[in-house]
């Protein structure tokens, strides 16, 4: 199972197995992971397990939460990511050897499988363990209409940072989609994706941030 390793100044002080859907981090003694430091809020952040993935969400803390040096509100964690809360470093280790990929914003003029004006850019940021292409997303609306992107990673994130982001995850029995961040939740065939990931079937229509896409299962 996944775990976090808490350290300060290079010295490991505790390891915590993530066995619950919600694991809280903060200065107050009732947290699952207590970090006794004045730079840490009483209820600072929470680790949420949803559909096999783990997300870190900042709970409006005073000094913020960081992943690999970047301030976040809520983000999907990858194995070996380093969470920074105050002076503490918390390394996340997944129980899977698969790599995740992050959402990339395609800038104007950049060469990519989708045009720069695409409202829902999808592109890999770094390597990971490739899996056989079993599914794809076809864009049905907007500037990228007709473009198709194969889902070749275990997790592919789609969306517009700051507006709405969703994650499509490959599982042994198929694909699921989950809402990651943003006020606009994705829908599948018009039905909003709530807390739990929704299964995807061939032909399903996904709508995210005003863009429609069709899930194609090969």
C-alpha atoms as a PDB file:
ATOM      1  CA  UNK A   1       0.000   0.000   0.000  1.00  0.00           C
ATOM      2  CA  UNK A   2       1.129   3.615  -0.485  1.00  0.00           C
ATOM      3  CA  UNK A   3       2.951   5.412   2.298  1.00  0.00           C
ATOM      4  CA  UNK A   4       4.500   8.743   3.237  1.00  0.00           C
ATOM      5  CA  UNK A   5       7.925   9.256   4.806  1.00  0.00           C
ATOM      6  CA  UNK A   6       8.215  12.377   6.975  1.00  0.00           C
ATOM      7  CA  UNK A   7      11.635  13.966   7.457  1.00  0.00           C
ATOM      8  CA  UNK A   8      13.222  17.231   8.578  1.00  0.00           C
ATOM      9  CA  UNK A   9      16.755  18.365   7.765  1.00  0.00           C
ATOM     10  CA  UNK A  10      17.347  15.018   6.076  1.00  0.00           C
ATOM     11  CA  UNK A  11      16.407  12.972   9.146  1.00  0.00           C
ATOM     12  CA  UNK A  12      13.451  10.601   8.794  1.00  0.00           C
ATOM     13  CA  UNK A  13      11.141  10.918  11.807  1.00  0.00           C
ATOM     14  CA  UNK A  14       8.218   8.708  10.815  1.00  0.00           C
ATOM     15  CA  UNK A  15       6.649   6.534   8.135  1.00  0.00           C
ATOM     16  CA  UNK A  16       2.886   6.319   7.749  1.00  0.00           C
ATOM     17  CA  UNK A  17       1.005   3.714   5.709  1.00  0.00           C
ATOM     18  CA  UNK A  18      -1.998   5.193   3.902  1.00  0.00           C
ATOM     19  CA  UNK A  19      -4.764   2.771   4.862  1.00  0.00           C
ATOM     20  CA  UNK A  20      -7.731   5.186   5.016  1.00  0.00           C
ATOM     21  CA  UNK A  21      -9.638   7.176   2.408  1.00  0.00           C
ATOM     22  CA  UNK A  22      -8.590  10.385   4.206  1.00  0.00           C
ATOM     23  CA  UNK A  23      -5.308  10.919   6.049  1.00  0.00           C
ATOM     24  CA  UNK A  24      -5.037  14.359   7.658  1.00  0.00           C
ATOM     25  CA  UNK A  25      -1.819  16.308   8.237  1.00  0.00           C
ATOM     26  CA  UNK A  26      -1.456  19.197  10.680  1.00  0.00           C
ATOM     27  CA  UNK A  27      -0.243  20.560  13.993  1.00  0.00           C
ATOM     28  CA  UNK A  28      -3.255  19.509  16.097  1.00  0.00           C
ATOM     29  CA  UNK A  29      -2.862  16.198  17.952  1.00  0.00           C
ATOM     30  CA  UNK A  30      -5.973  14.652  16.421  1.00  0.00           C
ATOM     31  CA  UNK A  31      -4.448  14.578  12.919  1.00  0.00           C
ATOM     32  CA  UNK A  32      -3.349  11.243  11.461  1.00  0.00           C
ATOM     33  CA  UNK A  33       0.085  12.737  10.746  1.00  0.00           C
ATOM     34  CA  UNK A  34       0.957  15.265  13.461  1.00  0.00           C
ATOM     35  CA  UNK A  35       3.566  17.864  12.444  1.00  0.00           C
ATOM     36  CA  UNK A  36       4.438  19.884  15.541  1.00  0.00           C
ATOM     37  CA  UNK A  37       5.706  23.112  14.018  1.00  0.00           C
ATOM     38  CA  UNK A  38       4.357  26.667  14.206  1.00  0.00           C
ATOM     39  CA  UNK A  39       4.634  27.036  10.425  1.00  0.00           C
ATOM     40  CA  UNK A  40       2.097  24.208  10.069  1.00  0.00           C
ATOM     41  CA  UNK A  41      -1.619  24.940  10.432  1.00  0.00           C
ATOM     42  CA  UNK A  42      -3.787  23.025  12.884  1.00  0.00           C
ATOM     43  CA  UNK A  43      -5.497  21.292   9.966  1.00  0.00           C
ATOM     44  CA  UNK A  44      -3.030  21.813   7.149  1.00  0.00           C
ATOM     45  CA  UNK A  45      -3.689  19.260   4.392  1.00  0.00           C
ATOM     46  CA  UNK A  46      -5.300  15.924   3.635  1.00  0.00           C
ATOM     47  CA  UNK A  47      -4.251  12.901   1.593  1.00  0.00           C
ATOM     48  CA  UNK A  48      -7.245  11.398  -0.207  1.00  0.00           C
ATOM     49  CA  UNK A  49      -7.321   7.946  -1.772  1.00  0.00           C
ATOM     50  CA  UNK A  50      -9.786   7.706  -4.644  1.00  0.00           C
ATOM     51  CA  UNK A  51      -9.961   4.805  -7.036  1.00  0.00           C
ATOM     52  CA  UNK A  52      -6.394   3.692  -6.360  1.00  0.00           C
ATOM     53  CA  UNK A  53      -4.918   7.170  -6.733  1.00  0.00           C
ATOM     54  CA  UNK A  54      -3.775   9.502  -3.957  1.00  0.00           C
ATOM     55  CA  UNK A  55      -4.390  13.249  -4.030  1.00  0.00           C
ATOM     56  CA  UNK A  56      -2.957  15.930  -1.751  1.00  0.00           C
ATOM     57  CA  UNK A  57      -5.356  18.777  -0.926  1.00  0.00           C
ATOM     58  CA  UNK A  58      -4.376  21.896   0.998  1.00  0.00           C
ATOM     59  CA  UNK A  59      -6.988  22.840   3.618  1.00  0.00           C
ATOM     60  CA  UNK A  60      -6.628  26.613   3.202  1.00  0.00           C
ATOM     61  CA  UNK A  61      -3.515  26.537   5.374  1.00  0.00           C
ATOM     62  CA  UNK A  62      -1.709  29.744   6.332  1.00  0.00           C
ATOM     63  CA  UNK A  63       1.618  28.894   4.666  1.00  0.00           C
ATOM     64  CA  UNK A  64       0.385  26.584   1.918  1.00  0.00           C
ATOM     65  CA  UNK A  65       1.331  23.107   0.731  1.00  0.00           C
ATOM     66  CA  UNK A  66       3.939  22.361  -1.916  1.00  0.00           C
ATOM     67  CA  UNK A  67       4.697  19.411  -4.187  1.00  0.00           C
ATOM     68  CA  UNK A  68       8.208  19.341  -5.622  1.00  0.00           C
ATOM     69  CA  UNK A  69       8.571  23.039  -4.803  1.00  0.00           C
ATOM     70  CA  UNK A  70       5.291  24.139  -6.433  1.00  0.00           C
ATOM     71  CA  UNK A  71       2.358  25.498  -4.422  1.00  0.00           C
ATOM     72  CA  UNK A  72      -0.800  23.452  -4.948  1.00  0.00           C
ATOM     73  CA  UNK A  73      -4.435  23.429  -3.924  1.00  0.00           C
ATOM     74  CA  UNK A  74      -5.156  19.828  -4.933  1.00  0.00           C
ATOM     75  CA  UNK A  75      -3.003  17.522  -7.019  1.00  0.00           C
ATOM     76  CA  UNK A  76      -2.631  13.880  -7.950  1.00  0.00           C
ATOM     77  CA  UNK A  77       0.522  12.444  -6.383  1.00  0.00           C
ATOM     78  CA  UNK A  78       3.133  10.408  -8.214  1.00  0.00           C
ATOM     79  CA  UNK A  79       5.479   7.981  -6.542  1.00  0.00           C
ATOM     80  CA  UNK A  80       8.565   9.776  -5.142  1.00  0.00           C
ATOM     81  CA  UNK A  81       6.842  13.181  -5.135  1.00  0.00           C
ATOM     82  CA  UNK A  82       8.037  15.350  -2.245  1.00  0.00           C
ATOM     83  CA  UNK A  83       5.428  17.271  -0.252  1.00  0.00           C
ATOM     84  CA  UNK A  84       6.718  20.314   1.636  1.00  0.00           C
ATOM     85  CA  UNK A  85       4.823  21.586   4.683  1.00  0.00           C
ATOM     86  CA  UNK A  86       6.729  24.153   6.724  1.00  0.00           C
ATOM     87  CA  UNK A  87      10.272  22.821   7.137  1.00  0.00           C
ATOM     88  CA  UNK A  88       9.109  19.227   6.801  1.00  0.00           C
ATOM     89  CA  UNK A  89       9.561  17.102   3.693  1.00  0.00           C
ATOM     90  CA  UNK A  90       7.110  14.266   3.149  1.00  0.00           C
ATOM     91  CA  UNK A  91       7.996  11.777   0.429  1.00  0.00           C
ATOM     92  CA  UNK A  92       5.096   9.893  -1.135  1.00  0.00           C
ATOM     93  CA  UNK A  93       5.737   6.326  -2.264  1.00  0.00           C
ATOM     94  CA  UNK A  94       3.139   4.448  -4.259  1.00  0.00           C
ATOM     95  CA  UNK A  95       2.636   0.713  -4.173  1.00  0.00           C
ATOM     96  CA  UNK A  96       2.748   0.518  -7.964  1.00  0.00           C
ATOM     97  CA  UNK A  97       5.669   0.644 -10.348  1.00  0.00           C
ATOM     98  CA  UNK A  98       3.645   2.436 -13.010  1.00  0.00           C
ATOM     99  CA  UNK A  99       4.424   6.052 -13.752  1.00  0.00           C
ATOM    100  CA  UNK A 100       1.844   8.815 -13.882  1.00  0.00           C
ATOM    101  CA  UNK A 101       1.865  11.709 -16.279  1.00  0.00           C
ATOM    102  CA  UNK A 102       0.902  15.265 -15.495  1.00  0.00           C
ATOM    103  CA  UNK A 103      -1.230  17.734 -17.397  1.00  0.00           C
ATOM    104  CA  UNK A 104       0.729  19.877 -19.828  1.00  0.00           C
ATOM    105  CA  UNK A 105      -0.486  23.224 -21.097  1.00  0.00           C
ATOM    106  CA  UNK A 106       0.271  23.453 -24.795  1.00  0.00           C
ATOM    107  CA  UNK A 107       1.582  26.943 -25.452  1.00  0.00           C
ATOM    108  CA  UNK A 108       0.993  28.841 -28.704  1.00  0.00           C
ATOM    109  CA  UNK A 109       3.424  27.725 -31.379  1.00  0.00           C
ATOM    110  CA  UNK A 110       4.369  24.516 -29.585  1.00  0.00           C
ATOM    111  CA  UNK A 111       4.487  21.337 -31.621  1.00  0.00           C
ATOM    112  CA  UNK A 112       2.198  18.704 -30.214  1.00  0.00           C
ATOM    113  CA  UNK A 113      -0.368  16.066 -31.239  1.00  0.00           C
ATOM    114  CA  UNK A 114      -3.048  18.743 -30.726  1.00  0.00           C
ATOM    115  CA  UNK A 115      -3.160  22.360 -31.937  1.00  0.00           C
ATOM    116  CA  UNK A 116      -2.034  25.153 -29.644  1.00  0.00           C
ATOM    117  CA  UNK A 117      -5.561  26.527 -29.463  1.00  0.00           C
ATOM    118  CA  UNK A 118      -6.968  23.287 -28.129  1.00  0.00           C
ATOM    119  CA  UNK A 119      -9.064  24.043 -25.027  1.00  0.00           C
ATOM    120  CA  UNK A 120      -8.324  20.643 -23.536  1.00  0.00           C
ATOM    121  CA  UNK A 121      -4.611  19.897 -24.074  1.00  0.00           C
ATOM    122  CA  UNK A 122      -3.445  16.366 -23.474  1.00  0.00           C
ATOM    123  CA  UNK A 123       0.265  15.546 -23.631  1.00  0.00           C
ATOM    124  CA  UNK A 124       2.834  13.605 -21.631  1.00  0.00           C
ATOM    125  CA  UNK A 125       5.313  15.484 -19.488  1.00  0.00           C
ATOM    126  CA  UNK A 126       7.707  12.696 -18.620  1.00  0.00           C
ATOM    127  CA  UNK A 127       8.251   9.027 -19.109  1.00  0.00           C
ATOM    128  CA  UNK A 128       6.584   6.168 -17.373  1.00  0.00           C
ATOM    129  CA  UNK A 129       5.792   2.587 -18.044  1.00  0.00           C
ATOM    130  CA  UNK A 130       3.949   2.484 -21.351  1.00  0.00           C
ATOM    131  CA  UNK A 131       1.010   0.153 -21.693  1.00  0.00           C
ATOM    132  CA  UNK A 132      -0.539  -1.236 -24.868  1.00  0.00           C
ATOM    133  CA  UNK A 133      -2.852   1.295 -26.495  1.00  0.00           C
ATOM    134  CA  UNK A 134      -6.322   0.169 -25.563  1.00  0.00           C
ATOM    135  CA  UNK A 135      -8.298   3.387 -25.699  1.00  0.00           C
ATOM    136  CA  UNK A 136      -8.299   6.928 -27.005  1.00  0.00           C
ATOM    137  CA  UNK A 137     -10.007  10.287 -26.591  1.00  0.00           C
ATOM    138  CA  UNK A 138     -11.468  11.989 -29.672  1.00  0.00           C
ATOM    139  CA  UNK A 139     -12.231  15.708 -29.431  1.00  0.00           C
ATOM    140  CA  UNK A 140     -15.757  16.553 -30.621  1.00  0.00           C
ATOM    141  CA  UNK A 141     -15.857  20.336 -30.162  1.00  0.00           C
ATOM    142  CA  UNK A 142     -13.624  23.390 -30.233  1.00  0.00           C
ATOM    143  CA  UNK A 143     -10.499  24.140 -32.256  1.00  0.00           C
ATOM    144  CA  UNK A 144      -9.207  20.583 -31.886  1.00  0.00           C
ATOM    145  CA  UNK A 145     -12.348  18.882 -33.266  1.00  0.00           C
ATOM    146  CA  UNK A 146     -11.502  15.556 -34.873  1.00  0.00           C
ATOM    147  CA  UNK A 147      -8.155  15.129 -33.139  1.00  0.00           C
ATOM    148  CA  UNK A 148      -7.559  11.834 -31.374  1.00  0.00           C
ATOM    149  CA  UNK A 149      -5.132  11.113 -28.540  1.00  0.00           C
ATOM    150  CA  UNK A 150      -4.269   7.549 -27.534  1.00  0.00           C
ATOM    151  CA  UNK A 151      -4.343   6.780 -23.812  1.00  0.00           C
ATOM    152  CA  UNK A 152      -0.956   5.105 -23.543  1.00  0.00           C
ATOM    153  CA  UNK A 153      -0.167   5.827 -19.888  1.00  0.00           C
ATOM    154  CA  UNK A 154      -1.687   4.425 -16.721  1.00  0.00           C
ATOM    155  CA  UNK A 155      -2.996   7.887 -15.804  1.00  0.00           C
ATOM    156  CA  UNK A 156      -3.689  10.697 -18.272  1.00  0.00           C
ATOM    157  CA  UNK A 157      -4.803  14.081 -16.954  1.00  0.00           C
ATOM    158  CA  UNK A 158      -6.871  16.366 -19.161  1.00  0.00           C
ATOM    159  CA  UNK A 159      -8.232  19.865 -18.740  1.00  0.00           C
ATOM    160  CA  UNK A 160      -7.367  23.490 -18.168  1.00  0.00           C
ATOM    161  CA  UNK A 161      -5.306  24.242 -15.019  1.00  0.00           C
ATOM    162  CA  UNK A 162      -7.163  26.663 -12.785  1.00  0.00           C
ATOM    163  CA  UNK A 163     -10.495  25.811 -14.425  1.00  0.00           C
ATOM    164  CA  UNK A 164     -10.998  22.050 -14.396  1.00  0.00           C
ATOM    165  CA  UNK A 165      -8.783  18.972 -14.456  1.00  0.00           C
ATOM    166  CA  UNK A 166      -9.812  15.315 -14.664  1.00  0.00           C
ATOM    167  CA  UNK A 167      -7.810  12.094 -14.642  1.00  0.00           C
ATOM    168  CA  UNK A 168      -8.464   9.060 -16.826  1.00  0.00           C
ATOM    169  CA  UNK A 169      -6.987   5.926 -15.244  1.00  0.00           C
ATOM    170  CA  UNK A 170      -6.373   2.549 -16.841  1.00  0.00           C
ATOM    171  CA  UNK A 171      -7.371  -0.359 -14.592  1.00  0.00           C
ATOM    172  CA  UNK A 172      -7.203  -4.109 -15.167  1.00  0.00           C
ATOM    173  CA  UNK A 173     -10.936  -4.193 -15.892  1.00  0.00           C
ATOM    174  CA  UNK A 174     -11.191  -0.977 -17.917  1.00  0.00           C
ATOM    175  CA  UNK A 175     -10.896   2.804 -17.682  1.00  0.00           C
ATOM    176  CA  UNK A 176     -12.327   5.286 -15.164  1.00  0.00           C
ATOM    177  CA  UNK A 177     -12.461   9.083 -15.004  1.00  0.00           C
ATOM    178  CA  UNK A 178     -12.173  11.143 -11.812  1.00  0.00           C
ATOM    179  CA  UNK A 179     -12.492  14.839 -10.993  1.00  0.00           C
ATOM    180  CA  UNK A 180      -9.154  16.225  -9.774  1.00  0.00           C
ATOM    181  CA  UNK A 181      -9.629  19.959  -9.325  1.00  0.00           C
ATOM    182  CA  UNK A 182     -11.649  22.960 -10.425  1.00  0.00           C
ATOM    183  CA  UNK A 183     -15.211  24.124  -9.884  1.00  0.00           C
ATOM    184  CA  UNK A 184     -16.376  22.594 -13.153  1.00  0.00           C
ATOM    185  CA  UNK A 185     -16.772  18.834 -12.790  1.00  0.00           C
ATOM    186  CA  UNK A 186     -16.499  16.544 -15.816  1.00  0.00           C
ATOM    187  CA  UNK A 187     -19.625  14.807 -17.048  1.00  0.00           C
ATOM    188  CA  UNK A 188     -20.040  11.432 -18.728  1.00  0.00           C
ATOM    189  CA  UNK A 189     -23.089  11.295 -21.002  1.00  0.00           C
ATOM    190  CA  UNK A 190     -24.418  14.346 -19.151  1.00  0.00           C
ATOM    191  CA  UNK A 191     -23.992  12.846 -15.672  1.00  0.00           C
ATOM    192  CA  UNK A 192     -21.533  14.715 -13.379  1.00  0.00           C
ATOM    193  CA  UNK A 193     -18.557  12.762 -12.047  1.00  0.00           C
ATOM    194  CA  UNK A 194     -18.776  13.062  -8.273  1.00  0.00           C
ATOM    195  CA  UNK A 195     -16.340  11.959  -5.557  1.00  0.00           C
ATOM    196  CA  UNK A 196     -15.960   8.400  -6.823  1.00  0.00           C
ATOM    197  CA  UNK A 197     -14.423   7.737 -10.271  1.00  0.00           C
ATOM    198  CA  UNK A 198     -16.887   6.840 -13.034  1.00  0.00           C
ATOM    199  CA  UNK A 199     -16.293   3.886 -15.383  1.00  0.00           C
ATOM    200  CA  UNK A 200     -15.880   4.645 -19.078  1.00  0.00           C
ATOM    201  CA  UNK A 201     -17.341   2.608 -21.925  1.00  0.00           C
ATOM    202  CA  UNK A 202     -16.801   2.758 -25.669  1.00  0.00           C
ATOM    203  CA  UNK A 203     -18.654   5.708 -27.136  1.00  0.00           C
ATOM    204  CA  UNK A 204     -19.150   7.622 -23.879  1.00  0.00           C
ATOM    205  CA  UNK A 205     -19.166  11.404 -24.306  1.00  0.00           C
ATOM    206  CA  UNK A 206     -17.081  13.344 -21.787  1.00  0.00           C
ATOM    207  CA  UNK A 207     -17.526  17.077 -21.297  1.00  0.00           C
ATOM    208  CA  UNK A 208     -14.907  19.094 -19.427  1.00  0.00           C
ATOM    209  CA  UNK A 209     -14.411  22.854 -19.287  1.00  0.00           C
ATOM    210  CA  UNK A 210     -16.843  23.346 -22.158  1.00  0.00           C
ATOM    211  CA  UNK A 211     -15.194  20.826 -24.472  1.00  0.00           C
ATOM    212  CA  UNK A 212     -16.756  17.545 -25.544  1.00  0.00           C
ATOM    213  CA  UNK A 213     -14.679  14.412 -26.110  1.00  0.00           C
ATOM    214  CA  UNK A 214     -15.590  10.847 -26.939  1.00  0.00           C
ATOM    215  CA  UNK A 215     -14.025   7.866 -25.226  1.00  0.00           C
ATOM    216  CA  UNK A 216     -13.091   5.117 -27.684  1.00  0.00           C
ATOM    217  CA  UNK A 217     -12.206   1.705 -26.327  1.00  0.00           C
ATOM    218  CA  UNK A 218     -10.361  -0.335 -28.932  1.00  0.00           C
END
